[in-house]
Amino acid sequence: MKKYNGFTAVKGIDFDVRPGECFGFLGPNGAGKTTTIKMLCCFTPVTRGTLEVLGHDARRQPREIKARLGVVPQEDNLDPELTVAENLLLYAGYFDLPRAVAQERVEELLAFAGLEEKAGVAVEHLSGGMKRRLAIARGLINRPQLLILDEPTTGLDPEARHLVWEKMRQLKAGGVTLILTTHYLEEAAQLCDRLVIMDQGVILDEGAPRELVEHHVGREVLELAPVNGRAGEILPLVAGEILAYHTIGQTLYLYTSNGRRLWRQVQGLDGNFSHQALRPATLEDVFLKLTGRNLS
């Protein structure tokens, strides 16, 4: 639990992260994801409860945790006047790495991030995607067992986002355990082995992305609009084919594991729907079912 001046930002949550996996926190802004990350990184103390990171108590052994931890914060805190290589060397100094070892790791990480040609360029002249790759490289300078990334691709264009995803997959393949916070559905589905869905400081559910989708909403979603208050009339006619449903405005969302059969049933309904769409179910639908609102 974490409280700030009487406000409970994170309530009684419980989770564990397995070695070598990518574990995600999915939720909207204000869900408590970043506060949870700050506690994991020992940046802010736990108000109540127990938190163990890499076998160490976060309250009693923060130095031991930080020595084995890599962090990529949500906000860009690179030194803009320094060059790419200088940023990495400066950060290596925080871990008391010998100069020769630090230089070797800088060259290794520049290659990993695809920034060799930018080594002598000031950070202020880099693109957003390059800055994020540099931030990830910096978080790896101490060869951490656990890398924590808080909203690592926020604000990036699609190409830059995919490049960052590629680097994260390489790290996981190399045995690094990753913890990721995100509000991007595709990012969570692409990268996470398991995740928790958070909202208003609590965990709503936990599991593998595909398992969560199939458990809560099935494999497909049929959207019908406008329903004009006819949901109570429509639902009994399709009850045998749906796992759950939700209405937002004039759109009725029907969750099913047999979209084709449900589609055929709907075609026989007496209604003039200007919008009918059958699509694969996503984590957005899970969040919508659990909270009654979109993930935004």
C-alpha atoms as a PDB file:
ATOM      1  CA  MET A   1       0.000   0.000   0.000  1.00  0.00           C
ATOM      2  CA  LYS A   2       1.082   3.564  -0.716  1.00  0.00           C
ATOM      3  CA  LYS A   3      -0.522   6.712   0.687  1.00  0.00           C
ATOM      4  CA  TYR A   4       0.242  10.348  -0.088  1.00  0.00           C
ATOM      5  CA  ASN A   5      -1.179  12.887   2.382  1.00  0.00           C
ATOM      6  CA  GLY A   6      -4.137  10.661   3.157  1.00  0.00           C
ATOM      7  CA  PHE A   7      -4.767   9.639  -0.470  1.00  0.00           C
ATOM      8  CA  THR A   8      -4.296   5.923  -1.187  1.00  0.00           C
ATOM      9  CA  ALA A   9      -2.545   5.738  -4.569  1.00  0.00           C
ATOM     10  CA  VAL A  10      -1.948   1.978  -4.415  1.00  0.00           C
ATOM     11  CA  LYS A  11      -4.158  -0.258  -2.304  1.00  0.00           C
ATOM     12  CA  GLY A  12      -3.505  -3.803  -1.109  1.00  0.00           C
ATOM     13  CA  ILE A  13      -2.032  -5.376  -4.241  1.00  0.00           C
ATOM     14  CA  ASP A  14      -0.274  -8.737  -4.460  1.00  0.00           C
ATOM     15  CA  PHE A  15       1.851 -10.023  -7.360  1.00  0.00           C
ATOM     16  CA  ASP A  16       5.048 -11.909  -8.132  1.00  0.00           C
ATOM     17  CA  VAL A  17       7.441 -11.722 -11.076  1.00  0.00           C
ATOM     18  CA  ARG A  18       9.178 -14.818 -12.388  1.00  0.00           C
ATOM     19  CA  PRO A  19      12.821 -14.782 -13.513  1.00  0.00           C
ATOM     20  CA  GLY A  20      13.290 -14.297 -17.251  1.00  0.00           C
ATOM     21  CA  GLU A  21       9.757 -13.112 -18.038  1.00  0.00           C
ATOM     22  CA  CYS A  22       8.295  -9.809 -19.153  1.00  0.00           C
ATOM     23  CA  PHE A  23       5.712  -8.830 -16.553  1.00  0.00           C
ATOM     24  CA  GLY A  24       3.352  -5.969 -17.300  1.00  0.00           C
ATOM     25  CA  PHE A  25       1.207  -3.435 -15.503  1.00  0.00           C
ATOM     26  CA  LEU A  26      -1.617  -2.380 -17.828  1.00  0.00           C
ATOM     27  CA  GLY A  27      -3.948   0.459 -16.945  1.00  0.00           C
ATOM     28  CA  PRO A  28      -4.915   4.070 -17.640  1.00  0.00           C
ATOM     29  CA  ASN A  29      -3.109   7.115 -16.316  1.00  0.00           C
ATOM     30  CA  GLY A  30      -3.743   7.371 -12.594  1.00  0.00           C
ATOM     31  CA  ALA A  31      -4.195   3.630 -12.107  1.00  0.00           C
ATOM     32  CA  GLY A  32      -1.246   3.383  -9.697  1.00  0.00           C
ATOM     33  CA  LYS A  33       1.257   1.850 -12.137  1.00  0.00           C
ATOM     34  CA  THR A  34       3.995   4.472 -11.777  1.00  0.00           C
ATOM     35  CA  THR A  35       3.607   4.609  -7.984  1.00  0.00           C
ATOM     36  CA  THR A  36       4.054   0.833  -7.873  1.00  0.00           C
ATOM     37  CA  ILE A  37       7.180   1.139 -10.007  1.00  0.00           C
ATOM     38  CA  LYS A  38       8.606   3.838  -7.707  1.00  0.00           C
ATOM     39  CA  MET A  39       8.207   1.470  -4.763  1.00  0.00           C
ATOM     40  CA  LEU A  40       9.875  -1.369  -6.680  1.00  0.00           C
ATOM     41  CA  CYS A  41      12.794   0.937  -7.507  1.00  0.00           C
ATOM     42  CA  CYS A  42      13.050   2.058  -3.855  1.00  0.00           C
ATOM     43  CA  PHE A  43      12.388   5.652  -4.924  1.00  0.00           C
ATOM     44  CA  THR A  44       9.466   5.917  -2.495  1.00  0.00           C
ATOM     45  CA  PRO A  45       8.846   3.801   0.604  1.00  0.00           C
ATOM     46  CA  VAL A  46       5.981   1.388   1.069  1.00  0.00           C
ATOM     47  CA  THR A  47       3.369   2.794   3.464  1.00  0.00           C
ATOM     48  CA  ARG A  48       2.168  -0.625   4.563  1.00  0.00           C
ATOM     49  CA  GLY A  49       2.853  -4.200   3.561  1.00  0.00           C
ATOM     50  CA  THR A  50       5.837  -6.243   2.378  1.00  0.00           C
ATOM     51  CA  LEU A  51       7.853  -5.674  -0.782  1.00  0.00           C
ATOM     52  CA  GLU A  52      10.721  -7.940  -1.779  1.00  0.00           C
ATOM     53  CA  VAL A  53      12.822  -7.271  -4.881  1.00  0.00           C
ATOM     54  CA  LEU A  54      15.475  -9.725  -6.061  1.00  0.00           C
ATOM     55  CA  GLY A  55      15.395 -11.424  -2.667  1.00  0.00           C
ATOM     56  CA  HIS A  56      15.903  -8.203  -0.694  1.00  0.00           C
ATOM     57  CA  ASP A  57      13.545  -6.255   1.549  1.00  0.00           C
ATOM     58  CA  ALA A  58      12.791  -2.939  -0.133  1.00  0.00           C
ATOM     59  CA  ARG A  59      12.600  -1.132   3.208  1.00  0.00           C
ATOM     60  CA  ARG A  60      15.819  -2.475   4.720  1.00  0.00           C
ATOM     61  CA  GLN A  61      18.061  -3.163   1.723  1.00  0.00           C
ATOM     62  CA  PRO A  62      17.443  -0.495  -0.946  1.00  0.00           C
ATOM     63  CA  ARG A  63      21.159  -0.197  -1.829  1.00  0.00           C
ATOM     64  CA  GLU A  64      21.446  -3.909  -2.556  1.00  0.00           C
ATOM     65  CA  ILE A  65      18.358  -3.737  -4.772  1.00  0.00           C
ATOM     66  CA  LYS A  66      19.470  -0.654  -6.711  1.00  0.00           C
ATOM     67  CA  ALA A  67      22.858  -2.228  -7.451  1.00  0.00           C
ATOM     68  CA  ARG A  68      21.157  -5.078  -9.336  1.00  0.00           C
ATOM     69  CA  LEU A  69      18.384  -3.029 -10.893  1.00  0.00           C
ATOM     70  CA  GLY A  70      18.087  -1.152 -14.190  1.00  0.00           C
ATOM     71  CA  VAL A  71      15.497   1.614 -14.553  1.00  0.00           C
ATOM     72  CA  VAL A  72      14.078   3.358 -17.622  1.00  0.00           C
ATOM     73  CA  PRO A  73      11.850   6.138 -16.246  1.00  0.00           C
ATOM     74  CA  GLN A  74       8.783   7.528 -17.967  1.00  0.00           C
ATOM     75  CA  GLU A  75      10.191  11.055 -18.082  1.00  0.00           C
ATOM     76  CA  ASP A  76      13.284  11.795 -20.164  1.00  0.00           C
ATOM     77  CA  ASN A  77      16.059  12.577 -17.667  1.00  0.00           C
ATOM     78  CA  LEU A  78      19.061  12.259 -19.962  1.00  0.00           C
ATOM     79  CA  ASP A  79      21.666  15.040 -19.855  1.00  0.00           C
ATOM     80  CA  PRO A  80      20.882  16.971 -23.064  1.00  0.00           C
ATOM     81  CA  GLU A  81      24.178  18.882 -23.282  1.00  0.00           C
ATOM     82  CA  LEU A  82      26.289  15.732 -23.013  1.00  0.00           C
ATOM     83  CA  THR A  83      26.927  13.392 -25.915  1.00  0.00           C
ATOM     84  CA  VAL A  84      25.405   9.943 -26.165  1.00  0.00           C
ATOM     85  CA  ALA A  85      28.631   8.257 -25.018  1.00  0.00           C
ATOM     86  CA  GLU A  86      29.141  10.777 -22.214  1.00  0.00           C
ATOM     87  CA  ASN A  87      25.669  10.042 -20.852  1.00  0.00           C
ATOM     88  CA  LEU A  88      26.531   6.375 -20.605  1.00  0.00           C
ATOM     89  CA  LEU A  89      29.950   6.992 -19.054  1.00  0.00           C
ATOM     90  CA  LEU A  90      28.494   9.370 -16.489  1.00  0.00           C
ATOM     91  CA  TYR A  91      25.899   6.810 -15.452  1.00  0.00           C
ATOM     92  CA  ALA A  92      28.553   4.079 -15.236  1.00  0.00           C
ATOM     93  CA  GLY A  93      30.271   6.227 -12.607  1.00  0.00           C
ATOM     94  CA  TYR A  94      27.277   5.843 -10.289  1.00  0.00           C
ATOM     95  CA  PHE A  95      28.083   2.129 -10.067  1.00  0.00           C
ATOM     96  CA  ASP A  96      31.819   2.705  -9.528  1.00  0.00           C
ATOM     97  CA  LEU A  97      32.760   0.808 -12.670  1.00  0.00           C
ATOM     98  CA  PRO A  98      36.459   1.024 -13.556  1.00  0.00           C
ATOM     99  CA  ARG A  99      37.092   3.310 -16.523  1.00  0.00           C
ATOM    100  CA  ALA A 100      38.190   0.483 -18.825  1.00  0.00           C
ATOM    101  CA  VAL A 101      35.145  -1.645 -17.924  1.00  0.00           C
ATOM    102  CA  ALA A 102      32.839   1.340 -18.340  1.00  0.00           C
ATOM    103  CA  GLN A 103      34.253   2.154 -21.773  1.00  0.00           C
ATOM    104  CA  GLU A 104      33.855  -1.456 -22.893  1.00  0.00           C
ATOM    105  CA  ARG A 105      30.217  -1.496 -21.769  1.00  0.00           C
ATOM    106  CA  VAL A 106      29.520   1.843 -23.439  1.00  0.00           C
ATOM    107  CA  GLU A 107      30.729   0.476 -26.779  1.00  0.00           C
ATOM    108  CA  GLU A 108      28.715  -2.713 -26.257  1.00  0.00           C
ATOM    109  CA  LEU A 109      25.534  -0.780 -25.418  1.00  0.00           C
ATOM    110  CA  LEU A 110      25.945   1.693 -28.264  1.00  0.00           C
ATOM    111  CA  ALA A 111      25.990  -1.284 -30.615  1.00  0.00           C
ATOM    112  CA  PHE A 112      22.985  -2.844 -28.886  1.00  0.00           C
ATOM    113  CA  ALA A 113      20.968   0.382 -29.173  1.00  0.00           C
ATOM    114  CA  GLY A 114      22.075   1.044 -32.751  1.00  0.00           C
ATOM    115  CA  LEU A 115      23.656   4.362 -31.740  1.00  0.00           C
ATOM    116  CA  GLU A 116      27.316   3.840 -32.680  1.00  0.00           C
ATOM    117  CA  GLU A 117      27.181   6.635 -35.252  1.00  0.00           C
ATOM    118  CA  LYS A 118      25.616   8.971 -32.683  1.00  0.00           C
ATOM    119  CA  ALA A 119      28.194   8.409 -29.943  1.00  0.00           C
ATOM    120  CA  GLY A 120      29.606  11.935 -30.255  1.00  0.00           C
ATOM    121  CA  VAL A 121      26.290  13.696 -30.820  1.00  0.00           C
ATOM    122  CA  ALA A 122      24.667  15.746 -28.047  1.00  0.00           C
ATOM    123  CA  VAL A 123      21.470  14.145 -26.736  1.00  0.00           C
ATOM    124  CA  GLU A 124      19.443  17.279 -27.496  1.00  0.00           C
ATOM    125  CA  HIS A 125      19.910  16.540 -31.210  1.00  0.00           C
ATOM    126  CA  LEU A 126      18.520  12.985 -31.056  1.00  0.00           C
ATOM    127  CA  SER A 127      15.052  11.925 -32.152  1.00  0.00           C
ATOM    128  CA  GLY A 128      12.553  10.715 -29.565  1.00  0.00           C
ATOM    129  CA  GLY A 129      13.109   7.100 -30.529  1.00  0.00           C
ATOM    130  CA  MET A 130      16.881   7.421 -30.223  1.00  0.00           C
ATOM    131  CA  LYS A 131      16.511   8.973 -26.773  1.00  0.00           C
ATOM    132  CA  ARG A 132      14.387   6.054 -25.608  1.00  0.00           C
ATOM    133  CA  ARG A 133      16.923   3.540 -26.923  1.00  0.00           C
ATOM    134  CA  LEU A 134      19.675   5.477 -25.154  1.00  0.00           C
ATOM    135  CA  ALA A 135      17.635   5.466 -21.930  1.00  0.00           C
ATOM    136  CA  ILE A 136      17.321   1.675 -22.193  1.00  0.00           C
ATOM    137  CA  ALA A 137      21.055   1.346 -22.888  1.00  0.00           C
ATOM    138  CA  ARG A 138      21.807   3.528 -19.852  1.00  0.00           C
ATOM    139  CA  GLY A 139      19.588   1.317 -17.690  1.00  0.00           C
ATOM    140  CA  LEU A 140      21.729  -1.672 -18.709  1.00  0.00           C
ATOM    141  CA  ILE A 141      25.120  -0.187 -17.841  1.00  0.00           C
ATOM    142  CA  ASN A 142      25.345  -2.189 -14.581  1.00  0.00           C
ATOM    143  CA  ARG A 143      24.157  -5.408 -16.265  1.00  0.00           C
ATOM    144  CA  PRO A 144      21.027  -5.637 -14.105  1.00  0.00           C
ATOM    145  CA  GLN A 145      19.114  -8.797 -13.306  1.00  0.00           C
ATOM    146  CA  LEU A 146      15.869  -6.841 -13.487  1.00  0.00           C
ATOM    147  CA  LEU A 147      15.069  -3.984 -15.874  1.00  0.00           C
ATOM    148  CA  ILE A 148      12.066  -1.794 -15.061  1.00  0.00           C
ATOM    149  CA  LEU A 149      10.550   0.277 -17.867  1.00  0.00           C
ATOM    150  CA  ASP A 150       7.854   2.837 -17.083  1.00  0.00           C
ATOM    151  CA  GLU A 151       5.792   3.666 -20.195  1.00  0.00           C
ATOM    152  CA  PRO A 152       8.870   3.161 -22.424  1.00  0.00           C
ATOM    153  CA  THR A 153       7.242   4.106 -25.756  1.00  0.00           C
ATOM    154  CA  THR A 154       4.903   6.956 -24.802  1.00  0.00           C
ATOM    155  CA  GLY A 155       5.018   9.681 -27.440  1.00  0.00           C
ATOM    156  CA  LEU A 156       6.941   7.641 -30.005  1.00  0.00           C
ATOM    157  CA  ASP A 157       5.862   7.168 -33.602  1.00  0.00           C
ATOM    158  CA  PRO A 158       5.007   3.589 -34.687  1.00  0.00           C
ATOM    159  CA  GLU A 159       8.401   2.883 -36.259  1.00  0.00           C
ATOM    160  CA  ALA A 160      10.322   4.045 -33.177  1.00  0.00           C
ATOM    161  CA  ARG A 161       7.965   2.090 -30.930  1.00  0.00           C
ATOM    162  CA  HIS A 162       8.621  -1.134 -32.846  1.00  0.00           C
ATOM    163  CA  LEU A 163      12.383  -0.564 -32.636  1.00  0.00           C
ATOM    164  CA  VAL A 164      12.131  -0.247 -28.853  1.00  0.00           C
ATOM    165  CA  TRP A 165      10.027  -3.432 -28.727  1.00  0.00           C
ATOM    166  CA  GLU A 166      12.717  -5.226 -30.724  1.00  0.00           C
ATOM    167  CA  LYS A 167      15.368  -4.224 -28.163  1.00  0.00           C
ATOM    168  CA  MET A 168      13.170  -5.391 -25.293  1.00  0.00           C
ATOM    169  CA  ARG A 169      12.652  -8.780 -26.941  1.00  0.00           C
ATOM    170  CA  GLN A 170      16.425  -9.125 -27.353  1.00  0.00           C
ATOM    171  CA  LEU A 171      16.925  -8.409 -23.646  1.00  0.00           C
ATOM    172  CA  LYS A 172      14.342 -10.989 -22.630  1.00  0.00           C
ATOM    173  CA  ALA A 173      15.916 -13.561 -24.958  1.00  0.00           C
ATOM    174  CA  GLY A 174      19.208 -12.827 -23.203  1.00  0.00           C
ATOM    175  CA  GLY A 175      17.747 -13.710 -19.803  1.00  0.00           C
ATOM    176  CA  VAL A 176      16.954 -10.240 -18.426  1.00  0.00           C
ATOM    177  CA  THR A 177      13.741 -10.060 -16.406  1.00  0.00           C
ATOM    178  CA  LEU A 178      11.564  -7.136 -17.495  1.00  0.00           C
ATOM    179  CA  ILE A 179       8.836  -5.215 -15.696  1.00  0.00           C
ATOM    180  CA  LEU A 180       6.830  -2.953 -17.977  1.00  0.00           C
ATOM    181  CA  THR A 181       4.102  -0.411 -17.352  1.00  0.00           C
ATOM    182  CA  THR A 182       1.996   0.650 -20.300  1.00  0.00           C
ATOM    183  CA  HIS A 183      -1.412   1.857 -21.394  1.00  0.00           C
ATOM    184  CA  TYR A 184      -0.802   0.621 -24.950  1.00  0.00           C
ATOM    185  CA  LEU A 185      -2.790  -2.548 -25.539  1.00  0.00           C
ATOM    186  CA  GLU A 186      -0.697  -3.788 -28.438  1.00  0.00           C
ATOM    187  CA  GLU A 187       2.481  -3.246 -26.434  1.00  0.00           C
ATOM    188  CA  ALA A 188       1.186  -5.376 -23.560  1.00  0.00           C
ATOM    189  CA  ALA A 189      -0.066  -8.100 -25.892  1.00  0.00           C
ATOM    190  CA  GLN A 190       3.176  -8.158 -27.910  1.00  0.00           C
ATOM    191  CA  LEU A 191       5.676  -8.177 -25.047  1.00  0.00           C
ATOM    192  CA  CYS A 192       4.192  -9.473 -21.804  1.00  0.00           C
ATOM    193  CA  ASP A 193       4.240 -13.108 -20.740  1.00  0.00           C
ATOM    194  CA  ARG A 194       1.936 -12.155 -17.879  1.00  0.00           C
ATOM    195  CA  LEU A 195       0.373  -8.912 -16.732  1.00  0.00           C
ATOM    196  CA  VAL A 196      -1.913  -7.361 -14.173  1.00  0.00           C
ATOM    197  CA  ILE A 197      -4.734  -5.009 -15.099  1.00  0.00           C
ATOM    198  CA  MET A 198      -4.802  -2.067 -12.695  1.00  0.00           C
ATOM    199  CA  ASP A 199      -7.358   0.655 -12.062  1.00  0.00           C
ATOM    200  CA  GLN A 200      -7.742   3.106  -9.180  1.00  0.00           C
ATOM    201  CA  GLY A 201      -4.893   1.578  -7.226  1.00  0.00           C
ATOM    202  CA  VAL A 202      -6.053  -2.037  -7.288  1.00  0.00           C
ATOM    203  CA  ILE A 203      -5.338  -5.114  -9.408  1.00  0.00           C
ATOM    204  CA  LEU A 204      -8.458  -6.275 -11.233  1.00  0.00           C
ATOM    205  CA  ASP A 205      -7.000  -9.494 -12.658  1.00  0.00           C
ATOM    206  CA  GLU A 206      -3.735 -11.197 -13.567  1.00  0.00           C
ATOM    207  CA  GLY A 207      -2.679 -13.638 -16.280  1.00  0.00           C
ATOM    208  CA  ALA A 208      -1.269 -14.111 -19.762  1.00  0.00           C
ATOM    209  CA  PRO A 209      -2.776 -11.585 -22.216  1.00  0.00           C
ATOM    210  CA  ARG A 210      -4.528 -14.155 -24.403  1.00  0.00           C
ATOM    211  CA  GLU A 211      -5.803 -16.089 -21.390  1.00  0.00           C
ATOM    212  CA  LEU A 212      -7.302 -12.937 -19.869  1.00  0.00           C
ATOM    213  CA  VAL A 213      -9.073 -12.123 -23.124  1.00  0.00           C
ATOM    214  CA  GLU A 214     -10.540 -15.591 -23.588  1.00  0.00           C
ATOM    215  CA  HIS A 215     -11.539 -15.907 -19.939  1.00  0.00           C
ATOM    216  CA  HIS A 216     -13.390 -12.604 -19.720  1.00  0.00           C
ATOM    217  CA  VAL A 217     -14.736 -11.929 -23.201  1.00  0.00           C
ATOM    218  CA  GLY A 218     -14.045 -14.893 -25.480  1.00  0.00           C
ATOM    219  CA  ARG A 219     -12.302 -14.689 -28.811  1.00  0.00           C
ATOM    220  CA  GLU A 220     -14.502 -12.194 -30.689  1.00  0.00           C
ATOM    221  CA  VAL A 221     -16.654  -9.111 -30.228  1.00  0.00           C
ATOM    222  CA  LEU A 222     -19.731  -8.115 -32.208  1.00  0.00           C
ATOM    223  CA  GLU A 223     -20.527  -4.405 -32.194  1.00  0.00           C
ATOM    224  CA  LEU A 224     -24.071  -3.244 -32.964  1.00  0.00           C
ATOM    225  CA  ALA A 225     -25.230   0.383 -33.236  1.00  0.00           C
ATOM    226  CA  PRO A 226     -27.458   2.164 -32.743  1.00  0.00           C
ATOM    227  CA  VAL A 227     -29.398  -0.015 -30.335  1.00  0.00           C
ATOM    228  CA  ASN A 228     -31.733   2.828 -29.267  1.00  0.00           C
ATOM    229  CA  GLY A 229     -32.516   1.274 -25.910  1.00  0.00           C
ATOM    230  CA  ARG A 230     -33.243  -2.152 -27.437  1.00  0.00           C
ATOM    231  CA  ALA A 231     -30.476  -4.026 -25.585  1.00  0.00           C
ATOM    232  CA  GLY A 232     -33.053  -5.618 -23.266  1.00  0.00           C
ATOM    233  CA  GLU A 233     -34.878  -6.948 -26.304  1.00  0.00           C
ATOM    234  CA  ILE A 234     -31.779  -8.135 -28.185  1.00  0.00           C
ATOM    235  CA  LEU A 235     -29.911  -9.856 -25.354  1.00  0.00           C
ATOM    236  CA  PRO A 236     -32.424 -12.663 -24.655  1.00  0.00           C
ATOM    237  CA  LEU A 237     -32.308 -13.606 -28.344  1.00  0.00           C
ATOM    238  CA  VAL A 238     -28.515 -14.088 -28.344  1.00  0.00           C
ATOM    239  CA  ALA A 239     -28.023 -15.208 -24.732  1.00  0.00           C
ATOM    240  CA  GLY A 240     -26.899 -18.683 -25.734  1.00  0.00           C
ATOM    241  CA  GLU A 241     -24.020 -17.345 -27.836  1.00  0.00           C
ATOM    242  CA  ILE A 242     -22.485 -14.618 -25.655  1.00  0.00           C
ATOM    243  CA  LEU A 243     -20.184 -14.743 -22.636  1.00  0.00           C
ATOM    244  CA  ALA A 244     -20.826 -11.143 -21.616  1.00  0.00           C
ATOM    245  CA  TYR A 245     -21.961  -7.820 -23.012  1.00  0.00           C
ATOM    246  CA  HIS A 246     -21.570  -4.095 -22.465  1.00  0.00           C
ATOM    247  CA  THR A 247     -23.290  -0.961 -23.734  1.00  0.00           C
ATOM    248  CA  ILE A 248     -21.578   2.374 -24.308  1.00  0.00           C
ATOM    249  CA  GLY A 249     -23.828   5.089 -25.627  1.00  0.00           C
ATOM    250  CA  GLN A 250     -25.785   3.550 -28.501  1.00  0.00           C
ATOM    251  CA  THR A 251     -23.299   0.720 -29.149  1.00  0.00           C
ATOM    252  CA  LEU A 252     -23.870  -2.788 -27.821  1.00  0.00           C
ATOM    253  CA  TYR A 253     -20.765  -4.978 -27.458  1.00  0.00           C
ATOM    254  CA  LEU A 254     -21.445  -8.734 -27.497  1.00  0.00           C
ATOM    255  CA  TYR A 255     -18.558 -10.967 -26.378  1.00  0.00           C
ATOM    256  CA  THR A 256     -18.467 -14.458 -27.827  1.00  0.00           C
ATOM    257  CA  SER A 257     -16.301 -17.466 -28.667  1.00  0.00           C
ATOM    258  CA  ASN A 258     -18.271 -18.190 -31.845  1.00  0.00           C
ATOM    259  CA  GLY A 259     -18.508 -14.984 -33.811  1.00  0.00           C
ATOM    260  CA  ARG A 260     -19.835 -16.477 -37.042  1.00  0.00           C
ATOM    261  CA  ARG A 261     -22.765 -18.174 -35.351  1.00  0.00           C
ATOM    262  CA  LEU A 262     -23.599 -15.021 -33.391  1.00  0.00           C
ATOM    263  CA  TRP A 263     -23.339 -12.965 -36.589  1.00  0.00           C
ATOM    264  CA  ARG A 264     -25.903 -15.227 -38.294  1.00  0.00           C
ATOM    265  CA  GLN A 265     -28.290 -14.839 -35.382  1.00  0.00           C
ATOM    266  CA  VAL A 266     -27.978 -11.070 -35.416  1.00  0.00           C
ATOM    267  CA  GLN A 267     -28.761 -10.922 -39.128  1.00  0.00           C
ATOM    268  CA  GLY A 268     -32.189 -12.297 -38.298  1.00  0.00           C
ATOM    269  CA  LEU A 269     -32.973  -9.585 -35.776  1.00  0.00           C
ATOM    270  CA  ASP A 270     -35.580  -7.004 -36.622  1.00  0.00           C
ATOM    271  CA  GLY A 271     -33.420  -3.885 -36.382  1.00  0.00           C
ATOM    272  CA  ASN A 272     -31.794  -1.242 -38.508  1.00  0.00           C
ATOM    273  CA  PHE A 273     -28.171  -1.162 -37.406  1.00  0.00           C
ATOM    274  CA  SER A 274     -25.977   1.363 -39.207  1.00  0.00           C
ATOM    275  CA  HIS A 275     -22.891  -0.227 -37.631  1.00  0.00           C
ATOM    276  CA  GLN A 276     -22.265  -3.970 -37.416  1.00  0.00           C
ATOM    277  CA  ALA A 277     -18.696  -5.203 -36.912  1.00  0.00           C
ATOM    278  CA  LEU A 278     -17.256  -8.567 -35.904  1.00  0.00           C
ATOM    279  CA  ARG A 279     -13.643  -8.325 -34.729  1.00  0.00           C
ATOM    280  CA  PRO A 280     -11.104 -10.171 -32.536  1.00  0.00           C
ATOM    281  CA  ALA A 281     -11.391  -9.489 -28.807  1.00  0.00           C
ATOM    282  CA  THR A 282      -8.573  -7.505 -27.171  1.00  0.00           C
ATOM    283  CA  LEU A 283      -7.332  -6.443 -23.756  1.00  0.00           C
ATOM    284  CA  GLU A 284      -9.312  -3.229 -24.267  1.00  0.00           C
ATOM    285  CA  ASP A 285     -12.493  -5.322 -24.145  1.00  0.00           C
ATOM    286  CA  VAL A 286     -11.309  -6.990 -20.944  1.00  0.00           C
ATOM    287  CA  PHE A 287     -10.675  -3.613 -19.355  1.00  0.00           C
ATOM    288  CA  LEU A 288     -14.040  -2.344 -20.572  1.00  0.00           C
ATOM    289  CA  LYS A 289     -15.827  -5.344 -19.066  1.00  0.00           C
ATOM    290  CA  LEU A 290     -13.996  -5.051 -15.744  1.00  0.00           C
ATOM    291  CA  THR A 291     -14.337  -1.281 -15.311  1.00  0.00           C
ATOM    292  CA  GLY A 292     -17.160  -0.146 -17.576  1.00  0.00           C
ATOM    293  CA  ARG A 293     -14.920   2.328 -19.409  1.00  0.00           C
ATOM    294  CA  ASN A 294     -12.283   2.434 -22.109  1.00  0.00           C
ATOM    295  CA  LEU A 295      -8.557   2.190 -21.429  1.00  0.00           C
ATOM    296  CA  SER A 296      -7.426   5.791 -22.012  1.00  0.00           C
END
